[in-house]
N, C-alpha and C. Protein backbone atom coordinates (compact mmCIF):
# COMPACT_ATOMS: atom_id res chain seq x y z
N MET A 1 -88.65 9.72 -192.15
CA MET A 1 -89.97 9.10 -191.44
C MET A 1 -90.81 8.53 -192.36
N GLN A 2 -90.68 8.71 -193.51
CA GLN A 2 -91.71 8.11 -194.44
C GLN A 2 -91.35 6.69 -194.85
N ASN A 3 -90.04 6.43 -194.64
CA ASN A 3 -89.36 5.10 -194.86
C ASN A 3 -89.74 4.11 -193.75
N SER A 4 -89.85 4.66 -192.42
CA SER A 4 -90.25 3.75 -191.49
C SER A 4 -91.70 3.35 -191.24
N GLN A 5 -92.55 4.34 -191.92
CA GLN A 5 -93.85 4.31 -192.05
C GLN A 5 -94.34 3.10 -193.08
N GLY A 6 -93.49 3.15 -194.11
CA GLY A 6 -93.51 2.42 -195.48
C GLY A 6 -93.32 0.94 -195.09
N ILE A 7 -92.29 0.83 -194.16
CA ILE A 7 -91.95 -0.57 -193.64
C ILE A 7 -93.20 -0.89 -192.68
N ASP A 8 -93.58 -0.13 -192.11
CA ASP A 8 -94.70 -0.25 -191.08
C ASP A 8 -96.03 -1.21 -191.84
N TYR A 9 -96.38 -0.48 -192.92
CA TYR A 9 -97.28 -0.81 -193.73
C TYR A 9 -97.17 -2.22 -194.37
N PHE A 10 -95.70 -2.17 -194.67
CA PHE A 10 -95.24 -3.59 -195.38
C PHE A 10 -95.61 -4.74 -194.39
N VAL A 11 -95.29 -4.51 -193.15
CA VAL A 11 -95.31 -5.60 -192.16
C VAL A 11 -96.42 -6.01 -192.00
N ILE A 12 -97.49 -4.83 -191.80
CA ILE A 12 -99.19 -4.93 -191.98
C ILE A 12 -99.43 -6.19 -192.84
N LEU A 13 -99.02 -5.42 -194.01
CA LEU A 13 -99.56 -6.29 -195.38
C LEU A 13 -99.08 -7.79 -195.42
N VAL A 14 -97.73 -7.95 -194.90
CA VAL A 14 -97.30 -9.33 -194.78
C VAL A 14 -98.07 -10.30 -193.77
N ALA A 15 -98.34 -9.44 -192.49
CA ALA A 15 -99.36 -10.17 -191.53
C ALA A 15 -100.39 -10.64 -192.10
N LEU A 16 -101.09 -9.53 -192.62
CA LEU A 16 -102.36 -9.95 -193.30
C LEU A 16 -102.28 -10.97 -194.23
N LEU A 17 -101.55 -11.20 -195.22
CA LEU A 17 -101.30 -12.28 -195.96
C LEU A 17 -101.12 -13.43 -195.53
N ALA A 18 -100.52 -13.61 -194.68
CA ALA A 18 -99.71 -14.75 -193.67
C ALA A 18 -101.21 -15.44 -192.91
N VAL A 19 -101.96 -14.32 -192.36
CA VAL A 19 -103.25 -14.67 -191.86
C VAL A 19 -104.34 -15.47 -192.84
N ALA A 20 -104.31 -14.62 -193.93
CA ALA A 20 -105.07 -15.04 -194.98
C ALA A 20 -104.90 -16.69 -195.59
N ALA A 21 -103.43 -16.90 -195.64
CA ALA A 21 -103.09 -18.08 -196.22
C ALA A 21 -103.23 -19.02 -195.08
N ILE A 22 -102.97 -18.97 -194.11
CA ILE A 22 -103.32 -19.85 -192.96
C ILE A 22 -104.85 -20.21 -192.84
N GLY A 23 -105.53 -19.17 -193.15
CA GLY A 23 -107.00 -19.48 -193.11
C GLY A 23 -107.53 -20.18 -194.26
N VAL A 24 -106.85 -20.03 -195.40
CA VAL A 24 -107.25 -20.78 -196.69
C VAL A 24 -106.89 -22.38 -196.16
N ILE A 25 -105.74 -22.30 -195.87
CA ILE A 25 -105.19 -23.75 -195.40
C ILE A 25 -105.93 -24.71 -194.58
N ILE A 26 -106.42 -24.19 -193.60
CA ILE A 26 -107.60 -24.49 -192.59
C ILE A 26 -108.74 -25.03 -193.21
N VAL A 27 -109.41 -24.16 -194.16
CA VAL A 27 -110.54 -24.23 -194.82
C VAL A 27 -110.49 -25.67 -195.50
N VAL A 28 -109.28 -25.71 -196.50
CA VAL A 28 -109.13 -26.74 -197.33
C VAL A 28 -108.80 -28.10 -196.61
N LYS A 29 -108.00 -28.02 -195.36
CA LYS A 29 -107.70 -29.40 -194.60
C LYS A 29 -109.36 -29.80 -193.91
N SER A 30 -109.92 -28.77 -193.79
CA SER A 30 -111.31 -28.99 -192.85
C SER A 30 -112.28 -29.80 -194.03
N SER A 31 -112.25 -29.37 -195.29
CA SER A 31 -113.15 -29.99 -196.42
C SER A 31 -112.44 -31.25 -196.78
N GLU A 32 -111.32 -31.27 -196.67
CA GLU A 32 -110.85 -32.93 -196.88
C GLU A 32 -111.06 -33.81 -195.76
N ASN A 33 -111.07 -33.58 -194.98
CA ASN A 33 -111.34 -34.25 -193.55
C ASN A 33 -113.16 -34.67 -193.96
N ASP A 34 -113.85 -33.60 -194.31
CA ASP A 34 -115.46 -33.87 -194.61
C ASP A 34 -115.37 -35.01 -195.66
N LYS A 35 -114.82 -34.71 -196.65
CA LYS A 35 -114.66 -35.43 -197.93
C LYS A 35 -114.50 -36.85 -197.75
N PHE A 36 -113.70 -37.10 -196.70
CA PHE A 36 -112.90 -38.48 -196.51
C PHE A 36 -113.53 -39.12 -195.53
N ALA A 37 -114.49 -38.50 -194.69
CA ALA A 37 -115.08 -38.87 -193.59
C ALA A 37 -115.95 -40.43 -193.64
N PRO A 38 -116.65 -40.69 -194.77
CA PRO A 38 -117.21 -41.73 -195.02
C PRO A 38 -116.28 -42.93 -195.17
N ILE A 39 -115.23 -42.74 -196.15
CA ILE A 39 -114.47 -43.63 -196.01
C ILE A 39 -113.56 -44.21 -194.98
N LYS A 40 -113.38 -43.14 -194.15
CA LYS A 40 -112.77 -43.49 -192.60
C LYS A 40 -114.00 -44.30 -191.73
N ALA A 41 -115.04 -43.95 -191.90
CA ALA A 41 -116.18 -44.89 -191.29
C ALA A 41 -116.23 -46.06 -191.81
N GLN A 42 -116.04 -46.33 -192.92
CA GLN A 42 -116.01 -47.73 -193.72
C GLN A 42 -114.92 -48.50 -193.39
N ILE A 43 -113.60 -47.83 -193.22
CA ILE A 43 -112.55 -48.66 -192.70
C ILE A 43 -112.61 -48.94 -191.41
N ASP A 44 -113.13 -47.81 -190.44
CA ASP A 44 -113.36 -48.25 -189.08
C ASP A 44 -114.31 -49.53 -189.12
N GLU A 45 -115.49 -49.36 -189.62
CA GLU A 45 -116.33 -50.59 -189.50
C GLU A 45 -115.73 -52.01 -190.10
N GLU A 46 -114.92 -51.85 -191.12
CA GLU A 46 -114.23 -53.07 -191.71
C GLU A 46 -113.35 -53.52 -190.66
N ASN A 47 -112.50 -52.72 -190.00
CA ASN A 47 -111.53 -53.15 -188.76
C ASN A 47 -112.29 -53.70 -187.58
N ARG A 48 -113.59 -53.19 -187.41
CA ARG A 48 -114.04 -53.60 -186.26
C ARG A 48 -114.93 -54.97 -186.51
N LEU A 49 -115.00 -55.28 -187.68
CA LEU A 49 -115.80 -56.68 -188.12
C LEU A 49 -114.47 -57.61 -188.25
N MET A 50 -113.35 -57.13 -188.54
CA MET A 50 -112.28 -57.98 -188.67
C MET A 50 -111.31 -58.13 -187.37
N ASN A 51 -111.84 -57.71 -186.40
CA ASN A 51 -111.03 -57.66 -185.21
C ASN A 51 -111.34 -58.98 -184.32
N ILE A 52 -110.52 -59.99 -184.93
CA ILE A 52 -110.69 -61.51 -184.18
C ILE A 52 -109.57 -61.37 -183.26
N ARG A 53 -109.78 -61.95 -182.00
CA ARG A 53 -108.93 -62.05 -181.18
C ARG A 53 -108.37 -63.54 -181.19
N VAL A 54 -107.16 -63.58 -181.21
CA VAL A 54 -106.49 -64.94 -180.98
C VAL A 54 -106.16 -65.19 -179.52
N LEU A 55 -106.58 -66.20 -178.89
CA LEU A 55 -106.23 -66.58 -177.43
C LEU A 55 -105.19 -67.66 -177.59
N SER A 56 -104.31 -67.31 -176.93
CA SER A 56 -103.00 -68.18 -176.92
C SER A 56 -103.16 -69.01 -175.71
N ARG A 57 -102.81 -70.34 -175.67
CA ARG A 57 -102.82 -71.34 -174.69
C ARG A 57 -101.44 -71.17 -174.04
N GLU A 58 -101.61 -71.05 -172.87
CA GLU A 58 -100.26 -71.40 -172.24
C GLU A 58 -100.02 -72.77 -172.07
N GLU A 59 -98.73 -73.00 -172.49
CA GLU A 59 -98.29 -74.47 -172.44
C GLU A 59 -97.35 -74.64 -170.96
N GLY A 60 -97.75 -75.63 -170.18
CA GLY A 60 -97.08 -75.68 -169.19
C GLY A 60 -97.49 -76.31 -168.15
């Protein structure tokens, strides 16, 4: 009986560690997005300024 109870605690411990690891990954990815937000805004602005449409003439 003690062996199955030990396995139950092990499964709970592994699940808690997995949840904690996923939480850490989410926090790190969120901070990366915040860190690079000004760079992304600058690239978007440059793309907006450089968006030149070339109108093709139909020959015929």
